[in-house]
C-alpha atoms as a PDB file:
ATOM      1  CA  MET A   1       4.227 -24.966  21.408  1.00  0.00           C
ATOM      2  CA  GLN A   2       3.934 -22.755  24.449  1.00  0.00           C
ATOM      3  CA  LEU A   3       1.146 -20.310  25.302  1.00  0.00           C
ATOM      4  CA  SER A   4       2.277 -17.748  27.850  1.00  0.00           C
ATOM      5  CA  ARG A   5       0.736 -14.684  29.469  1.00  0.00           C
ATOM      6  CA  GLU A   6       2.502 -12.291  31.803  1.00  0.00           C
ATOM      7  CA  LEU A   7       0.969 -10.660  34.892  1.00  0.00           C
ATOM      8  CA  LEU A   8       2.020  -7.121  35.817  1.00  0.00           C
ATOM      9  CA  VAL A   9       1.366  -4.687  38.624  1.00  0.00           C
ATOM     10  CA  VAL A  10       0.924  -1.252  37.055  1.00  0.00           C
ATOM     11  CA  THR A  11       2.261   1.729  39.006  1.00  0.00           C
ATOM     12  CA  ARG A  12       3.464   5.197  38.124  1.00  0.00           C
ATOM     13  CA  ARG A  13       6.964   3.831  37.675  1.00  0.00           C
ATOM     14  CA  THR A  14       5.901   1.173  35.186  1.00  0.00           C
ATOM     15  CA  PRO A  15       7.649   1.917  31.869  1.00  0.00           C
ATOM     16  CA  HIS A  16       5.558   2.520  28.773  1.00  0.00           C
ATOM     17  CA  ASP A  17       4.834  -0.744  26.951  1.00  0.00           C
ATOM     18  CA  HIS A  18       3.140  -1.234  23.592  1.00  0.00           C
ATOM     19  CA  ARG A  19       1.542  -4.505  24.594  1.00  0.00           C
ATOM     20  CA  VAL A  20      -2.207  -4.747  25.161  1.00  0.00           C
ATOM     21  CA  VAL A  21      -3.162  -5.372  28.801  1.00  0.00           C
ATOM     22  CA  VAL A  22      -6.413  -6.517  30.412  1.00  0.00           C
ATOM     23  CA  PRO A  23      -7.307  -5.474  34.013  1.00  0.00           C
ATOM     24  CA  LEU A  24      -8.008  -8.444  36.260  1.00  0.00           C
ATOM     25  CA  ASP A  25      -9.443  -6.674  39.313  1.00  0.00           C
ATOM     26  CA  ASP A  26     -10.806  -3.175  39.857  1.00  0.00           C
ATOM     27  CA  ARG A  27      -9.427  -2.978  43.391  1.00  0.00           C
ATOM     28  CA  ILE A  28      -5.778  -3.779  42.647  1.00  0.00           C
ATOM     29  CA  PRO A  29      -3.630  -2.646  39.680  1.00  0.00           C
ATOM     30  CA  LEU A  30      -3.061  -6.196  38.443  1.00  0.00           C
ATOM     31  CA  VAL A  31      -3.208  -6.667  34.667  1.00  0.00           C
ATOM     32  CA  ALA A  32      -2.548  -9.501  32.242  1.00  0.00           C
ATOM     33  CA  THR A  33      -0.652  -8.883  29.028  1.00  0.00           C
ATOM     34  CA  GLU A  34      -1.711 -10.232  25.678  1.00  0.00           C
ATOM     35  CA  PRO A  35      -1.262 -13.984  25.170  1.00  0.00           C
ATOM     36  CA  VAL A  36       1.850 -14.995  23.254  1.00  0.00           C
ATOM     37  CA  LEU A  37       2.143 -18.259  21.343  1.00  0.00           C
ATOM     38  CA  ILE A  38       5.704 -19.536  20.922  1.00  0.00           C
ATOM     39  CA  LEU A  39       6.467 -22.241  18.352  1.00  0.00           C
ATOM     40  CA  ALA A  40       9.876 -23.887  18.276  1.00  0.00           C
ATOM     41  CA  ARG A  41      11.396 -26.913  16.576  1.00  0.00           C
ATOM     42  CA  LEU A  42      12.775 -29.218  19.271  1.00  0.00           C
ATOM     43  CA  THR A  43      14.333 -31.820  16.977  1.00  0.00           C
ATOM     44  CA  ALA A  44      17.689 -30.034  17.047  1.00  0.00           C
ATOM     45  CA  HIS A  45      19.850 -28.612  19.819  1.00  0.00           C
ATOM     46  CA  PRO A  46      20.311 -25.714  19.907  1.00  0.00           C
ATOM     47  CA  ILE A  47      16.920 -24.754  18.424  1.00  0.00           C
ATOM     48  CA  ASP A  48      17.406 -23.541  14.860  1.00  0.00           C
ATOM     49  CA  ARG A  49      14.001 -21.864  14.445  1.00  0.00           C
ATOM     50  CA  ALA A  50      11.452 -20.216  16.767  1.00  0.00           C
ATOM     51  CA  PHE A  51       8.284 -18.297  15.976  1.00  0.00           C
ATOM     52  CA  SER A  52       6.468 -15.955  18.381  1.00  0.00           C
ATOM     53  CA  VAL A  53       2.904 -14.706  17.761  1.00  0.00           C
ATOM     54  CA  ARG A  54       0.795 -12.179  19.652  1.00  0.00           C
ATOM     55  CA  ILE A  55      -2.848 -13.260  20.060  1.00  0.00           C
ATOM     56  CA  TRP A  56      -5.542 -10.584  19.882  1.00  0.00           C
ATOM     57  CA  ALA A  57      -9.135 -11.608  20.554  1.00  0.00           C
ATOM     58  CA  SER A  58     -12.207  -9.723  19.343  1.00  0.00           C
ATOM     59  CA  GLY A  59     -12.667  -6.410  21.107  1.00  0.00           C
ATOM     60  CA  THR A  60      -8.959  -5.634  21.309  1.00  0.00           C
ATOM     61  CA  PRO A  61      -8.541  -1.849  21.047  1.00  0.00           C
ATOM     62  CA  ALA A  62      -6.932  -0.559  17.880  1.00  0.00           C
ATOM     63  CA  ALA A  63      -3.372   0.578  18.511  1.00  0.00           C
ATOM     64  CA  ALA A  64      -2.255   1.703  15.049  1.00  0.00           C
ATOM     65  CA  ALA A  65      -3.417   5.074  13.729  1.00  0.00           C
ATOM     66  CA  ALA A  66      -1.276   5.166  10.573  1.00  0.00           C
ATOM     67  CA  PRO A  67      -2.684   3.829   7.284  1.00  0.00           C
ATOM     68  CA  TRP A  68      -1.929   0.138   6.861  1.00  0.00           C
ATOM     69  CA  ARG A  69      -0.368   0.621   3.414  1.00  0.00           C
ATOM     70  CA  ILE A  70       2.341   2.755   5.076  1.00  0.00           C
ATOM     71  CA  ALA A  71       2.880   0.629   8.183  1.00  0.00           C
ATOM     72  CA  ALA A  72       2.576  -2.845   6.580  1.00  0.00           C
ATOM     73  CA  ALA A  73       6.125  -3.132   5.212  1.00  0.00           C
ATOM     74  CA  PRO A  74       8.037  -2.231   8.424  1.00  0.00           C
ATOM     75  CA  ILE A  75       5.649  -4.268  10.586  1.00  0.00           C
ATOM     76  CA  HIS A  76       6.101  -7.401   8.487  1.00  0.00           C
ATOM     77  CA  ARG A  77       9.855  -6.839   8.343  1.00  0.00           C
ATOM     78  CA  TYR A  78      10.629  -5.925  11.958  1.00  0.00           C
ATOM     79  CA  GLY A  79       7.393  -6.342  13.952  1.00  0.00           C
ATOM     80  CA  ILE A  80       5.874  -9.216  15.901  1.00  0.00           C
ATOM     81  CA  PRO A  81       3.121 -11.236  14.140  1.00  0.00           C
ATOM     82  CA  ILE A  82      -0.459 -10.688  15.322  1.00  0.00           C
ATOM     83  CA  LEU A  83      -2.979 -13.542  15.303  1.00  0.00           C
ATOM     84  CA  THR A  84      -6.595 -12.276  15.466  1.00  0.00           C
ATOM     85  CA  LEU A  85      -9.421 -14.412  16.837  1.00  0.00           C
ATOM     86  CA  ASP A  86     -13.164 -14.075  17.378  1.00  0.00           C
ATOM     87  CA  ASP A  87     -16.079 -16.357  18.206  1.00  0.00           C
ATOM     88  CA  ALA A  88     -16.496 -17.383  14.563  1.00  0.00           C
ATOM     89  CA  SER A  89     -12.862 -18.420  14.073  1.00  0.00           C
ATOM     90  CA  THR A  90     -12.427 -22.095  13.252  1.00  0.00           C
ATOM     91  CA  ASN A  91      -9.393 -24.264  13.860  1.00  0.00           C
ATOM     92  CA  GLU A  92      -8.673 -24.256  10.122  1.00  0.00           C
ATOM     93  CA  GLU A  93      -8.741 -20.433   9.996  1.00  0.00           C
ATOM     94  CA  ILE A  94      -6.376 -20.203  12.955  1.00  0.00           C
ATOM     95  CA  ALA A  95      -3.954 -22.632  11.305  1.00  0.00           C
ATOM     96  CA  CYS A  96      -4.208 -20.694   8.033  1.00  0.00           C
ATOM     97  CA  GLN A  97      -3.427 -17.417   9.811  1.00  0.00           C
ATOM     98  CA  MET A  98      -0.419 -19.017  11.479  1.00  0.00           C
ATOM     99  CA  VAL A  99       1.016 -20.241   8.164  1.00  0.00           C
ATOM    100  CA  LEU A 100       0.329 -16.923   6.393  1.00  0.00           C
ATOM    101  CA  LEU A 101       1.929 -14.986   9.247  1.00  0.00           C
ATOM    102  CA  ALA A 102       4.979 -17.219   9.007  1.00  0.00           C
ATOM    103  CA  TYR A 103       5.201 -16.431   5.286  1.00  0.00           C
ATOM    104  CA  TRP A 104       4.583 -12.683   5.626  1.00  0.00           C
ATOM    105  CA  HIS A 105       7.280 -12.379   8.292  1.00  0.00           C
ATOM    106  CA  GLY A 106       9.861 -14.361   6.336  1.00  0.00           C
ATOM    107  CA  TYR A 107       9.786 -17.728   8.112  1.00  0.00           C
ATOM    108  CA  LEU A 108       8.440 -19.600   5.064  1.00  0.00           C
ATOM    109  CA  GLY A 109       8.991 -19.272   1.318  1.00  0.00           C
ATOM    110  CA  ARG A 110       6.558 -19.185  -1.587  1.00  0.00           C
ATOM    111  CA  ASP A 111       7.338 -22.789  -2.510  1.00  0.00           C
ATOM    112  CA  GLU A 112       5.901 -24.079   0.771  1.00  0.00           C
ATOM    113  CA  PRO A 113       3.066 -26.525  -0.148  1.00  0.00           C
ATOM    114  CA  ALA A 114       1.259 -25.849   3.132  1.00  0.00           C
ATOM    115  CA  LEU A 115       0.279 -22.353   1.922  1.00  0.00           C
ATOM    116  CA  ALA A 116      -2.278 -23.609  -0.612  1.00  0.00           C
ATOM    117  CA  ASP A 117      -3.382 -26.500   1.595  1.00  0.00           C
ATOM    118  CA  VAL A 118      -4.328 -24.352   4.610  1.00  0.00           C
ATOM    119  CA  ILE A 119      -6.198 -21.847   2.403  1.00  0.00           C
ATOM    120  CA  ALA A 120      -8.268 -24.649   0.854  1.00  0.00           C
ATOM    121  CA  ALA A 121      -9.103 -25.975   4.330  1.00  0.00           C
ATOM    122  CA  ALA A 122      -9.791 -22.606   5.998  1.00  0.00           C
ATOM    123  CA  TYR A 123     -11.844 -20.887   3.288  1.00  0.00           C
ATOM    124  CA  PRO A 124     -13.696 -23.640   1.369  1.00  0.00           C
ATOM    125  CA  ARG A 125     -16.451 -21.332   0.044  1.00  0.00           C
ATOM    126  CA  ALA A 126     -13.998 -18.847  -1.486  1.00  0.00           C
ATOM    127  CA  VAL A 127     -11.931 -21.674  -2.989  1.00  0.00           C
ATOM    128  CA  ALA A 128     -15.061 -23.340  -4.419  1.00  0.00           C
ATOM    129  CA  ARG A 129     -16.122 -20.037  -5.994  1.00  0.00           C
ATOM    130  CA  VAL A 130     -12.725 -19.647  -7.645  1.00  0.00           C
ATOM    131  CA  ARG A 131     -12.765 -23.256  -8.878  1.00  0.00           C
ATOM    132  CA  ALA A 132     -16.274 -22.953 -10.373  1.00  0.00           C
ATOM    133  CA  ALA A 133     -15.440 -19.712 -12.212  1.00  0.00           C
ATOM    134  CA  THR A 134     -11.994 -20.704 -13.519  1.00  0.00           C
ATOM    135  CA  ASP A 135     -12.494 -24.405 -14.402  1.00  0.00           C
ATOM    136  CA  VAL A 136      -9.308 -25.521 -12.629  1.00  0.00           C
ATOM    137  CA  PRO A 137      -8.949 -29.274 -12.007  1.00  0.00           C
ATOM    138  CA  ASP A 138      -9.043 -29.346  -8.183  1.00  0.00           C
ATOM    139  CA  ASN A 139      -9.245 -27.266  -5.016  1.00  0.00           C
ATOM    140  CA  GLY A 140      -5.466 -27.097  -4.727  1.00  0.00           C
ATOM    141  CA  ALA A 141      -5.184 -25.228  -8.030  1.00  0.00           C
ATOM    142  CA  ALA A 142      -8.022 -22.899  -7.036  1.00  0.00           C
ATOM    143  CA  ALA A 143      -6.332 -22.215  -3.689  1.00  0.00           C
ATOM    144  CA  ALA A 144      -3.095 -21.440  -5.555  1.00  0.00           C
ATOM    145  CA  LEU A 145      -4.942 -18.803  -7.626  1.00  0.00           C
ATOM    146  CA  LEU A 146      -6.389 -17.332  -4.456  1.00  0.00           C
ATOM    147  CA  LEU A 147      -2.965 -17.372  -2.811  1.00  0.00           C
ATOM    148  CA  VAL A 148      -1.594 -14.979  -5.440  1.00  0.00           C
ATOM    149  CA  GLY A 149      -3.692 -12.198  -3.933  1.00  0.00           C
ATOM    150  CA  LEU A 150      -2.537 -13.074  -0.405  1.00  0.00           C
ATOM    151  CA  PHE A 151       1.203 -12.907  -1.059  1.00  0.00           C
ATOM    152  CA  ARG A 152       1.109  -9.271   0.103  1.00  0.00           C
ATOM    153  CA  PRO A 153      -1.460  -8.644   2.872  1.00  0.00           C
ATOM    154  CA  GLY A 154      -3.683  -5.628   2.290  1.00  0.00           C
ATOM    155  CA  PHE A 155      -5.726  -5.687   5.509  1.00  0.00           C
ATOM    156  CA  ASP A 156      -4.928  -4.358   8.944  1.00  0.00           C
ATOM    157  CA  PRO A 157      -4.829  -7.185  11.546  1.00  0.00           C
ATOM    158  CA  VAL A 158      -5.905  -4.687  14.205  1.00  0.00           C
ATOM    159  CA  ARG A 159      -9.402  -4.736  12.689  1.00  0.00           C
ATOM    160  CA  GLY A 160      -9.893  -8.361  13.656  1.00  0.00           C
ATOM    161  CA  ALA A 161     -10.573 -11.755  12.149  1.00  0.00           C
ATOM    162  CA  HIS A 162     -13.816 -10.645  10.476  1.00  0.00           C
ATOM    163  CA  ASN A 163     -11.885  -8.157   8.334  1.00  0.00           C
ATOM    164  CA  ALA A 164      -9.453 -10.916   7.339  1.00  0.00           C
ATOM    165  CA  ARG A 165     -12.337 -13.104   6.136  1.00  0.00           C
ATOM    166  CA  LYS A 166     -13.753 -10.199   4.111  1.00  0.00           C
ATOM    167  CA  TYR A 167     -10.325  -9.637   2.569  1.00  0.00           C
ATOM    168  CA  VAL A 168     -10.052 -13.287   1.481  1.00  0.00           C
ATOM    169  CA  SER A 169     -13.528 -13.107  -0.081  1.00  0.00           C
ATOM    170  CA  ARG A 170     -12.551  -9.959  -1.961  1.00  0.00           C
ATOM    171  CA  GLN A 171      -9.374 -11.610  -3.240  1.00  0.00           C
ATOM    172  CA  ALA A 172     -11.468 -14.527  -4.524  1.00  0.00           C
ATOM    173  CA  THR A 173     -13.609 -12.067  -6.519  1.00  0.00           C
ATOM    174  CA  ILE A 174     -10.476 -10.419  -7.908  1.00  0.00           C
ATOM    175  CA  ALA A 175      -9.055 -13.816  -8.943  1.00  0.00           C
ATOM    176  CA  VAL A 176     -12.265 -14.600 -10.840  1.00  0.00           C
ATOM    177  CA  LEU A 177     -12.264 -11.218 -12.597  1.00  0.00           C
ATOM    178  CA  GLU A 178      -8.601 -11.527 -13.554  1.00  0.00           C
ATOM    179  CA  HIS A 179      -9.249 -14.987 -15.026  1.00  0.00           C
ATOM    180  CA  ARG A 180     -12.173 -13.676 -17.075  1.00  0.00           C
ATOM    181  CA  LYS A 181     -10.078 -10.815 -18.437  1.00  0.00           C
ATOM    182  CA  ALA A 182      -7.212 -13.154 -19.329  1.00  0.00           C
ATOM    183  CA  THR A 183      -9.447 -15.624 -21.171  1.00  0.00           C
ATOM    184  CA  ARG A 184     -11.680 -13.112 -22.948  1.00  0.00           C
ATOM    185  CA  VAL A 185     -11.401 -13.193 -26.745  1.00  0.00           C
ATOM    186  CA  GLY A 186     -10.883  -9.898 -28.586  1.00  0.00           C
ATOM    187  CA  LEU A 187      -9.912  -6.433 -27.455  1.00  0.00           C
ATOM    188  CA  ARG A 188     -11.253  -5.017 -24.226  1.00  0.00           C
ATOM    189  CA  PRO A 189     -13.149  -1.682 -24.243  1.00  0.00           C
ATOM    190  CA  TRP A 190     -10.212   0.318 -22.877  1.00  0.00           C
ATOM    191  CA  GLU A 191      -7.899  -1.251 -25.452  1.00  0.00           C
ATOM    192  CA  HIS A 192     -10.195  -0.023 -28.227  1.00  0.00           C
ATOM    193  CA  LEU A 193      -9.866   3.497 -26.809  1.00  0.00           C
ATOM    194  CA  GLY A 194      -6.115   3.251 -26.212  1.00  0.00           C
ATOM    195  CA  VAL A 195      -6.253   3.967 -22.461  1.00  0.00           C
ATOM    196  CA  SER A 196      -5.580   1.966 -19.318  1.00  0.00           C
ATOM    197  CA  GLU A 197      -8.277  -0.002 -17.525  1.00  0.00           C
ATOM    198  CA  ARG A 198      -8.134   2.268 -14.484  1.00  0.00           C
ATOM    199  CA  TYR A 199      -8.541   5.430 -16.568  1.00  0.00           C
ATOM    200  CA  TYR A 200     -11.400   3.813 -18.512  1.00  0.00           C
ATOM    201  CA  TYR A 201     -13.428   3.265 -15.344  1.00  0.00           C
ATOM    202  CA  LYS A 202     -12.737   6.837 -14.265  1.00  0.00           C
ATOM    203  CA  LEU A 203     -14.290   7.932 -17.556  1.00  0.00           C
ATOM    204  CA  LEU A 204     -17.279   5.676 -16.880  1.00  0.00           C
ATOM    205  CA  HIS A 205     -17.877   7.505 -13.598  1.00  0.00           C
ATOM    206  CA  ARG A 206     -18.097  10.687 -15.649  1.00  0.00           C
ATOM    207  CA  PHE A 207     -20.007   9.625 -18.765  1.00  0.00           C
ATOM    208  CA  GLY A 208     -21.505   6.184 -18.074  1.00  0.00           C
ATOM    209  CA  ARG A 209     -24.527   4.990 -16.136  1.00  0.00           C
ATOM    210  CA  ARG A 210     -24.464   2.308 -13.483  1.00  0.00           C
ATOM    211  CA  GLU A 211     -27.169  -0.334 -13.226  1.00  0.00           C
ATOM    212  CA  GLY A 212     -26.712  -2.336 -10.053  1.00  0.00           C
ATOM    213  CA  ARG A 213     -23.109  -3.568  -9.997  1.00  0.00           C
ATOM    214  CA  ARG A 214     -22.505  -3.173 -13.736  1.00  0.00           C
ATOM    215  CA  TRP A 215     -21.798  -0.178 -15.916  1.00  0.00           C
ATOM    216  CA  HIS A 216     -24.120   0.504 -18.851  1.00  0.00           C
ATOM    217  CA  VAL A 217     -22.336   2.179 -21.766  1.00  0.00           C
ATOM    218  CA  ASN A 218     -24.590   3.147 -24.673  1.00  0.00           C
ATOM    219  CA  ASP A 219     -23.650   4.773 -27.975  1.00  0.00           C
ATOM    220  CA  ASP A 220     -24.033   8.314 -26.607  1.00  0.00           C
ATOM    221  CA  ALA A 221     -21.700   7.610 -23.680  1.00  0.00           C
ATOM    222  CA  ARG A 222     -19.174   5.968 -26.005  1.00  0.00           C
ATOM    223  CA  ARG A 223     -19.215   8.963 -28.349  1.00  0.00           C
ATOM    224  CA  ALA A 224     -18.834  11.343 -25.393  1.00  0.00           C
ATOM    225  CA  ILE A 225     -15.805   9.390 -24.133  1.00  0.00           C
ATOM    226  CA  GLU A 226     -14.199   9.423 -27.581  1.00  0.00           C
ATOM    227  CA  ALA A 227     -14.808  13.178 -27.955  1.00  0.00           C
ATOM    228  CA  TYR A 228     -13.314  13.803 -24.515  1.00  0.00           C
ATOM    229  CA  LEU A 229     -10.227  11.754 -25.375  1.00  0.00           C
ATOM    230  CA  ARG A 230      -9.762  13.630 -28.674  1.00  0.00           C
ATOM    231  CA  ALA A 231     -10.029  16.987 -26.896  1.00  0.00           C
ATOM    232  CA  SER A 232      -7.579  15.819 -24.223  1.00  0.00           C
ATOM    233  CA  LYS A 233      -5.089  14.710 -26.877  1.00  0.00           C
ATOM    234  CA  LYS A 234      -5.415  18.068 -28.633  1.00  0.00           C
ATOM    235  CA  ARG A 235      -4.786  19.935 -25.377  1.00  0.00           C
ATOM    236  CA  ARG A 236      -1.723  17.788 -24.686  1.00  0.00           C
ATOM    237  CA  ASP A 237      -0.358  18.428 -28.175  1.00  0.00           C
ATOM    238  CA  VAL A 238      -0.853  22.199 -27.821  1.00  0.00           C
ATOM    239  CA  HIS A 239       0.800  22.177 -24.390  1.00  0.00           C
ATOM    240  CA  THR A 240       3.773  20.192 -25.731  1.00  0.00           C
ATOM    241  CA  ALA A 241       4.175  22.617 -28.640  1.00  0.00           C
ATOM    242  CA  ALA A 242       3.987  25.610 -26.275  1.00  0.00           C
ATOM    243  CA  MET A 243       6.620  24.081 -23.999  1.00  0.00           C
ATOM    244  CA  SER A 244       8.919  23.517 -26.978  1.00  0.00           C
ATOM    245  CA  LEU A 245       8.402  27.096 -28.208  1.00  0.00           C
ATOM    246  CA  LEU A 246       9.135  28.636 -24.801  1.00  0.00           C
ATOM    247  CA  GLN A 247      12.306  26.604 -24.386  1.00  0.00           C
ATOM    248  CA  GLN A 248      13.459  27.718 -27.843  1.00  0.00           C
ATOM    249  CA  ARG A 249      12.924  31.322 -26.714  1.00  0.00           C
ATOM    250  CA  GLY A 250      15.292  30.825 -23.771  1.00  0.00           C
ATOM    251  CA  PHE A 251      13.024  29.528 -21.013  1.00  0.00           C
ATOM    252  CA  ARG A 252      14.228  26.682 -18.863  1.00  0.00           C
ATOM    253  CA  HIS A 253      11.938  23.673 -18.487  1.00  0.00           C
ATOM    254  CA  ASN A 254      10.620  24.548 -15.007  1.00  0.00           C
ATOM    255  CA  ALA A 255      10.240  28.224 -15.921  1.00  0.00           C
ATOM    256  CA  ALA A 256       8.256  27.330 -19.042  1.00  0.00           C
ATOM    257  CA  ARG A 257       6.000  25.003 -17.088  1.00  0.00           C
ATOM    258  CA  LYS A 258       5.287  27.659 -14.457  1.00  0.00           C
ATOM    259  CA  TRP A 259       4.662  30.288 -17.167  1.00  0.00           C
ATOM    260  CA  LEU A 260       2.009  28.065 -18.760  1.00  0.00           C
ATOM    261  CA  GLN A 261       0.395  27.523 -15.374  1.00  0.00           C
ATOM    262  CA  ARG A 262       0.054  31.292 -14.792  1.00  0.00           C
ATOM    263  CA  HIS A 263      -0.822  32.552 -18.282  1.00  0.00           C
ATOM    264  CA  PRO A 264      -3.280  31.597 -21.041  1.00  0.00           C
ATOM    265  CA  ILE A 265      -1.627  29.315 -23.541  1.00  0.00           C
ATOM    266  CA  GLN A 266      -2.389  31.598 -26.512  1.00  0.00           C
ATOM    267  CA  TYR A 267      -0.021  34.230 -25.071  1.00  0.00           C
ATOM    268  CA  ALA A 268       2.936  31.844 -25.481  1.00  0.00           C
ATOM    269  CA  VAL A 269       3.496  33.151 -29.046  1.00  0.00           C
ATOM    270  CA  ASP A 270       4.698  36.525 -27.744  1.00  0.00           C
ATOM    271  CA  ALA A 271       6.315  35.336 -24.487  1.00  0.00           C
ATOM    272  CA  ARG A 272       9.937  36.194 -23.803  1.00  0.00           C
ATOM    273  CA  PRO A 273      12.087  35.341 -20.775  1.00  0.00           C
ATOM    274  CA  ARG A 274      13.065  38.117 -18.410  1.00  0.00           C
ATOM    275  CA  GLU A 275      16.492  39.609 -18.819  1.00  0.00           C
ATOM    276  CA  GLY A 276      18.861  38.339 -16.180  1.00  0.00           C
ATOM    277  CA  ARG A 277      19.822  40.739 -13.416  1.00  0.00           C
ATOM    278  CA  THR A 278      23.592  41.162 -13.349  1.00  0.00           C
ATOM    279  CA  ARG A 279      25.438  42.229 -10.206  1.00  0.00           C
ATOM    280  CA  PRO A 280      28.414  44.635 -10.402  1.00  0.00           C
ATOM    281  CA  ILE A 281      31.775  42.919 -10.225  1.00  0.00           C
ATOM    282  CA  THR A 282      33.535  43.767  -6.962  1.00  0.00           C
ATOM    283  CA  ALA A 283      36.740  42.660  -5.343  1.00  0.00           C
ATOM    284  CA  PRO A 284      36.405  39.608  -3.086  1.00  0.00           C
ATOM    285  CA  ARG A 285      35.954  40.406   0.581  1.00  0.00           C
ATOM    286  CA  ARG A 286      38.950  39.518   2.779  1.00  0.00           C
ATOM    287  CA  PRO A 287      38.453  37.394   5.878  1.00  0.00           C
ATOM    288  CA  ALA A 288      38.030  39.247   9.174  1.00  0.00           C
ATOM    289  CA  ALA A 289      41.259  37.847  10.679  1.00  0.00           C
ATOM    290  CA  ASP A 290      43.257  39.081   7.653  1.00  0.00           C
ATOM    291  CA  ARG A 291      41.749  42.571   7.919  1.00  0.00           C
ATOM    292  CA  HIS A 292      42.565  42.832  11.642  1.00  0.00           C
ATOM    293  CA  ALA A 293      46.146  41.676  11.022  1.00  0.00           C
ATOM    294  CA  ARG A 294      46.670  44.297   8.287  1.00  0.00           C
ATOM    295  CA  SER A 295      45.206  47.097  10.455  1.00  0.00           C
ATOM    296  CA  ALA A 296      47.410  46.122  13.392  1.00  0.00           C
ATOM    297  CA  SER A 297      50.554  46.149  11.207  1.00  0.00           C
ATOM    298  CA  ALA A 298      49.635  49.559   9.749  1.00  0.00           C
ATOM    299  CA  SER A 299      49.061  51.245  13.159  1.00  0.00           C
ATOM    300  CA  PRO A 300      52.086  53.080  14.750  1.00  0.00           C
ATOM    301  CA  SER A 301      53.873  51.193  17.496  1.00  0.00           C
END
């Protein structure tokens, strides 16, 4: 292991660098770059594996303006890992971040046993919550359930170590909810209605009533949701029939869709496509070089 930090003198000729720098003195343009931790296996020569990590402490300015869901894939494929620290970071959390960074950047595989071990050591409260809610035999099994949500990171490391801890806590809640849904007996409410879970909760925002962190669905709200779904199905059936009728009349698919967007659907009974505009047939135009050659041959010498 090697922890290095480079000192630079910043002038107008200094090339643009994406590293974070910290000024050391206000009187001279001397700055220190971000610390870099280098891990290498020295049991073989030449070294078969090396791992470099950038260390960002709390208060590091945010450098990425793009949404993390867009930038995450190329950063984890081609970028340099970022290890975030703050005053509340423990040694176990730092070790857990190191192992997760090694996995996210392709240095470790999913079968690595250290993945579940470091999560159980770094986040004992989240692991204990998962174990108590899922009745798994030990902390290792609970950490494995929590690890499923961490296979693809959904938080921006620029936001710091506090955001990473919040993300792990949220993934523990999701693991508990997924276990409850998988072990629940009988059909779920959205399965009774024949819709997806995501669409069901969108309907609850429209017709239900929220009490604290739970949704309260009474008989009136349930009847309103069922009536809305029946009306939506009827509208879809009418739209499908209108699309079929317009295409039988000669409309193409895109033309029929645009016609229904611009006209009331009851007018589709009398709709007809426009007659195609035909251009007069003319002789093909000769190339310019051919025309000049013919005019030169026809002129008197």
